[in-house]
Amino acid sequence: MSRRQTEVQEHRRLVEKEERLEVTINSLKAQHGEETSAEAIAELQELIIPAEREQLRKLKLTLAKLEQSELQVDETIFILSQYIALH
């Protein structure tokens, strides 16, 4: 969990930038509905450069692996505690 928090903290600026961009795109879609042009959305998405996109992709992959590891540890602890309780 600490590692996940550290990863997010290290990339906080980039994560916040992506979140702000998503909020802007969603509000644009909400205001204009289907009339929202693909060009306007594409322009907004270009605010995140390819290097940042790659960083985000790697971060999301790392966070997914860390989350999966946390679940595996929880499952192992549960199994061991059940085994100890029964023996």
N, C-alpha and C. Protein backbone atom coordinates (compact mmCIF):
# COMPACT_ATOMS: atom_id res chain seq x y z
N MET A 1 0.84 -1.19 0.00
CA MET A 1 0.00 0.00 0.00
C MET A 1 0.88 1.25 0.00
N SER A 2 1.98 1.16 0.75
CA SER A 2 2.91 2.29 0.79
C SER A 2 3.53 2.53 -0.58
N ARG A 3 3.87 1.46 -1.24
CA ARG A 3 4.47 1.59 -2.57
C ARG A 3 3.49 2.23 -3.54
N ARG A 4 2.22 1.83 -3.45
CA ARG A 4 1.20 2.41 -4.33
C ARG A 4 1.05 3.90 -4.06
N GLN A 5 1.02 4.28 -2.79
CA GLN A 5 0.92 5.70 -2.43
C GLN A 5 2.13 6.48 -2.92
N THR A 6 3.31 5.86 -2.82
CA THR A 6 4.53 6.52 -3.29
C THR A 6 4.48 6.74 -4.79
N GLU A 7 4.04 5.74 -5.52
CA GLU A 7 3.95 5.85 -6.98
C GLU A 7 2.99 6.99 -7.37
N VAL A 8 1.84 7.03 -6.72
CA VAL A 8 0.86 8.08 -7.02
C VAL A 8 1.42 9.45 -6.66
N GLN A 9 2.09 9.52 -5.53
CA GLN A 9 2.67 10.79 -5.08
C GLN A 9 3.73 11.29 -6.05
N GLU A 10 4.56 10.37 -6.54
CA GLU A 10 5.62 10.76 -7.47
C GLU A 10 5.07 11.29 -8.78
N HIS A 11 3.91 10.80 -9.17
CA HIS A 11 3.32 11.20 -10.46
C HIS A 11 2.06 12.04 -10.26
N ARG A 12 1.94 12.66 -9.09
CA ARG A 12 0.73 13.40 -8.75
C ARG A 12 0.39 14.48 -9.77
N ARG A 13 1.39 15.24 -10.21
CA ARG A 13 1.13 16.31 -11.16
C ARG A 13 0.51 15.76 -12.45
N LEU A 14 1.05 14.67 -12.93
CA LEU A 14 0.56 14.08 -14.16
C LEU A 14 -0.84 13.48 -13.97
N VAL A 15 -1.07 12.84 -12.86
CA VAL A 15 -2.39 12.26 -12.57
C VAL A 15 -3.43 13.37 -12.46
N GLU A 16 -3.08 14.45 -11.78
CA GLU A 16 -4.01 15.58 -11.64
C GLU A 16 -4.30 16.21 -13.00
N LYS A 17 -3.29 16.30 -13.83
CA LYS A 17 -3.47 16.87 -15.18
C LYS A 17 -4.46 16.00 -15.97
N GLU A 18 -4.30 14.70 -15.89
CA GLU A 18 -5.20 13.80 -16.61
C GLU A 18 -6.62 13.93 -16.06
N GLU A 19 -6.76 14.01 -14.74
CA GLU A 19 -8.08 14.13 -14.12
C GLU A 19 -8.76 15.43 -14.54
N ARG A 20 -8.01 16.54 -14.54
CA ARG A 20 -8.59 17.82 -14.96
C ARG A 20 -9.03 17.75 -16.41
N LEU A 21 -8.24 17.12 -17.24
CA LEU A 21 -8.57 16.98 -18.65
C LEU A 21 -9.85 16.16 -18.83
N GLU A 22 -9.96 15.07 -18.09
CA GLU A 22 -11.16 14.22 -18.18
C GLU A 22 -12.40 14.98 -17.73
N VAL A 23 -12.27 15.75 -16.65
CA VAL A 23 -13.40 16.55 -16.16
C VAL A 23 -13.82 17.57 -17.21
N THR A 24 -12.85 18.21 -17.83
CA THR A 24 -13.14 19.21 -18.86
C THR A 24 -13.86 18.57 -20.04
N ILE A 25 -13.38 17.43 -20.49
CA ILE A 25 -14.00 16.74 -21.62
C ILE A 25 -15.42 16.30 -21.26
N ASN A 26 -15.60 15.74 -20.06
CA ASN A 26 -16.93 15.30 -19.64
C ASN A 26 -17.91 16.46 -19.50
N SER A 27 -17.42 17.60 -18.98
CA SER A 27 -18.32 18.75 -18.86
C SER A 27 -18.66 19.32 -20.23
N LEU A 28 -17.71 19.26 -21.15
CA LEU A 28 -17.96 19.71 -22.52
C LEU A 28 -19.02 18.83 -23.17
N LYS A 29 -18.90 17.53 -22.96
CA LYS A 29 -19.90 16.60 -23.50
C LYS A 29 -21.26 16.82 -22.85
N ALA A 30 -21.27 17.09 -21.55
CA ALA A 30 -22.53 17.29 -20.83
C ALA A 30 -23.23 18.56 -21.31
N GLN A 31 -22.45 19.61 -21.58
CA GLN A 31 -23.04 20.87 -22.01
C GLN A 31 -23.55 20.81 -23.44
N HIS A 32 -22.79 20.13 -24.29
CA HIS A 32 -23.14 20.15 -25.72
C HIS A 32 -23.67 18.82 -26.23
N GLY A 33 -23.68 17.82 -25.41
CA GLY A 33 -24.22 16.52 -25.80
C GLY A 33 -23.52 15.96 -27.01
N GLU A 34 -24.32 15.45 -27.92
CA GLU A 34 -23.78 14.84 -29.13
C GLU A 34 -23.15 15.86 -30.07
N GLU A 35 -23.42 17.13 -29.82
CA GLU A 35 -22.88 18.18 -30.69
C GLU A 35 -21.39 18.41 -30.46
N THR A 36 -20.86 17.83 -29.40
CA THR A 36 -19.44 18.01 -29.09
C THR A 36 -18.63 17.47 -30.25
N SER A 37 -17.78 18.31 -30.77
CA SER A 37 -17.00 17.89 -31.93
C SER A 37 -15.83 17.02 -31.51
N ALA A 38 -15.53 16.08 -32.38
CA ALA A 38 -14.39 15.19 -32.13
C ALA A 38 -13.10 16.00 -32.17
N GLU A 39 -13.10 17.07 -32.96
CA GLU A 39 -11.90 17.92 -33.05
C GLU A 39 -11.61 18.60 -31.72
N ALA A 40 -12.64 19.12 -31.07
CA ALA A 40 -12.45 19.80 -29.79
C ALA A 40 -11.91 18.83 -28.74
N ILE A 41 -12.45 17.63 -28.73
CA ILE A 41 -12.00 16.61 -27.77
C ILE A 41 -10.57 16.21 -28.08
N ALA A 42 -10.27 16.03 -29.36
CA ALA A 42 -8.91 15.65 -29.76
C ALA A 42 -7.91 16.73 -29.37
N GLU A 43 -8.30 17.99 -29.54
CA GLU A 43 -7.42 19.09 -29.15
C GLU A 43 -7.13 19.07 -27.65
N LEU A 44 -8.17 18.82 -26.88
CA LEU A 44 -7.98 18.75 -25.43
C LEU A 44 -7.08 17.57 -25.05
N GLN A 45 -7.28 16.44 -25.71
CA GLN A 45 -6.48 15.27 -25.40
C GLN A 45 -5.01 15.45 -25.79
N GLU A 46 -4.75 16.32 -26.73
CA GLU A 46 -3.37 16.59 -27.14
C GLU A 46 -2.60 17.39 -26.10
N LEU A 47 -3.30 17.88 -25.08
CA LEU A 47 -2.62 18.60 -24.01
C LEU A 47 -1.70 17.67 -23.21
N ILE A 48 -1.98 16.37 -23.29
CA ILE A 48 -1.08 15.38 -22.69
C ILE A 48 -0.20 14.85 -23.81
N ILE A 49 1.08 15.16 -23.72
CA ILE A 49 2.00 14.78 -24.79
C ILE A 49 2.28 13.27 -24.75
N PRO A 50 2.78 12.71 -25.84
CA PRO A 50 3.02 11.26 -25.90
C PRO A 50 3.89 10.72 -24.75
N ALA A 51 4.90 11.46 -24.36
CA ALA A 51 5.76 11.00 -23.25
C ALA A 51 4.95 10.91 -21.95
N GLU A 52 4.05 11.86 -21.74
CA GLU A 52 3.20 11.82 -20.54
C GLU A 52 2.21 10.67 -20.63
N ARG A 53 1.68 10.41 -21.82
CA ARG A 53 0.77 9.28 -22.00
C ARG A 53 1.47 7.97 -21.66
N GLU A 54 2.72 7.85 -22.09
CA GLU A 54 3.49 6.64 -21.81
C GLU A 54 3.73 6.51 -20.30
N GLN A 55 4.04 7.63 -19.64
CA GLN A 55 4.21 7.61 -18.18
C GLN A 55 2.92 7.18 -17.49
N LEU A 56 1.80 7.71 -17.95
CA LEU A 56 0.50 7.34 -17.37
C LEU A 56 0.20 5.86 -17.59
N ARG A 57 0.51 5.37 -18.78
CA ARG A 57 0.27 3.97 -19.09
C ARG A 57 1.09 3.08 -18.15
N LYS A 58 2.37 3.42 -17.98
CA LYS A 58 3.24 2.65 -17.09
C LYS A 58 2.77 2.74 -15.64
N LEU A 59 2.35 3.92 -15.23
CA LEU A 59 1.86 4.11 -13.86
C LEU A 59 0.62 3.25 -13.62
N LYS A 60 -0.32 3.28 -14.55
CA LYS A 60 -1.54 2.49 -14.39
C LYS A 60 -1.23 0.99 -14.36
N LEU A 61 -0.28 0.56 -15.17
CA LEU A 61 0.12 -0.84 -15.16
C LEU A 61 0.76 -1.21 -13.82
N THR A 62 1.64 -0.35 -13.32
CA THR A 62 2.28 -0.58 -12.03
C THR A 62 1.25 -0.61 -10.91
N LEU A 63 0.32 0.33 -10.92
CA LEU A 63 -0.71 0.37 -9.88
C LEU A 63 -1.59 -0.87 -9.93
N ALA A 64 -1.90 -1.35 -11.12
CA ALA A 64 -2.71 -2.56 -11.25
C ALA A 64 -1.97 -3.77 -10.67
N LYS A 65 -0.67 -3.85 -10.96
CA LYS A 65 0.13 -4.96 -10.42
C LYS A 65 0.21 -4.88 -8.90
N LEU A 66 0.40 -3.69 -8.37
CA LEU A 66 0.47 -3.51 -6.93
C LEU A 66 -0.86 -3.87 -6.26
N GLU A 67 -1.95 -3.47 -6.88
CA GLU A 67 -3.27 -3.80 -6.34
C GLU A 67 -3.49 -5.31 -6.34
N GLN A 68 -3.08 -5.96 -7.42
CA GLN A 68 -3.21 -7.42 -7.49
C GLN A 68 -2.36 -8.08 -6.42
N SER A 69 -1.18 -7.56 -6.19
CA SER A 69 -0.30 -8.09 -5.14
C SER A 69 -0.93 -7.93 -3.77
N GLU A 70 -1.55 -6.79 -3.52
CA GLU A 70 -2.23 -6.56 -2.24
C GLU A 70 -3.34 -7.58 -2.03
N LEU A 71 -4.09 -7.86 -3.07
CA LEU A 71 -5.18 -8.84 -2.97
C LEU A 71 -4.63 -10.24 -2.68
N GLN A 72 -3.52 -10.57 -3.32
CA GLN A 72 -2.92 -11.88 -3.08
C GLN A 72 -2.41 -12.00 -1.65
N VAL A 73 -1.81 -10.94 -1.13
CA VAL A 73 -1.34 -10.95 0.25
C VAL A 73 -2.52 -11.10 1.21
N ASP A 74 -3.59 -10.35 0.96
CA ASP A 74 -4.79 -10.47 1.80
C ASP A 74 -5.34 -11.89 1.79
N GLU A 75 -5.38 -12.49 0.62
CA GLU A 75 -5.89 -13.86 0.51
C GLU A 75 -4.99 -14.84 1.27
N THR A 76 -3.69 -14.67 1.14
CA THR A 76 -2.75 -15.54 1.84
C THR A 76 -2.88 -15.40 3.34
N ILE A 77 -3.00 -14.18 3.81
CA ILE A 77 -3.17 -13.95 5.25
C ILE A 77 -4.46 -14.59 5.75
N PHE A 78 -5.52 -14.45 4.97
CA PHE A 78 -6.79 -15.06 5.34
C PHE A 78 -6.67 -16.58 5.44
N ILE A 79 -6.07 -17.18 4.43
CA ILE A 79 -5.91 -18.64 4.42
C ILE A 79 -5.07 -19.10 5.62
N LEU A 80 -3.98 -18.40 5.87
CA LEU A 80 -3.13 -18.78 7.00
C LEU A 80 -3.85 -18.59 8.34
N SER A 81 -4.60 -17.52 8.47
CA SER A 81 -5.33 -17.31 9.73
C SER A 81 -6.40 -18.38 9.92
N GLN A 82 -7.05 -18.82 8.85
CA GLN A 82 -8.05 -19.89 8.94
C GLN A 82 -7.37 -21.21 9.31
N TYR A 83 -6.23 -21.46 8.75
CA TYR A 83 -5.50 -22.68 9.05
C TYR A 83 -5.09 -22.70 10.53
N ILE A 84 -4.57 -21.58 11.01
CA ILE A 84 -4.15 -21.49 12.41
C ILE A 84 -5.35 -21.64 13.35
N ALA A 85 -6.48 -21.05 12.97
CA ALA A 85 -7.66 -21.12 13.81
C ALA A 85 -8.22 -22.55 13.90
N LEU A 86 -8.04 -23.33 12.87
CA LEU A 86 -8.59 -24.68 12.84
C LEU A 86 -7.64 -25.72 13.42
N HIS A 87 -6.40 -25.34 13.61
CA HIS A 87 -5.42 -26.32 14.14
C HIS A 87 -4.91 -25.92 15.48
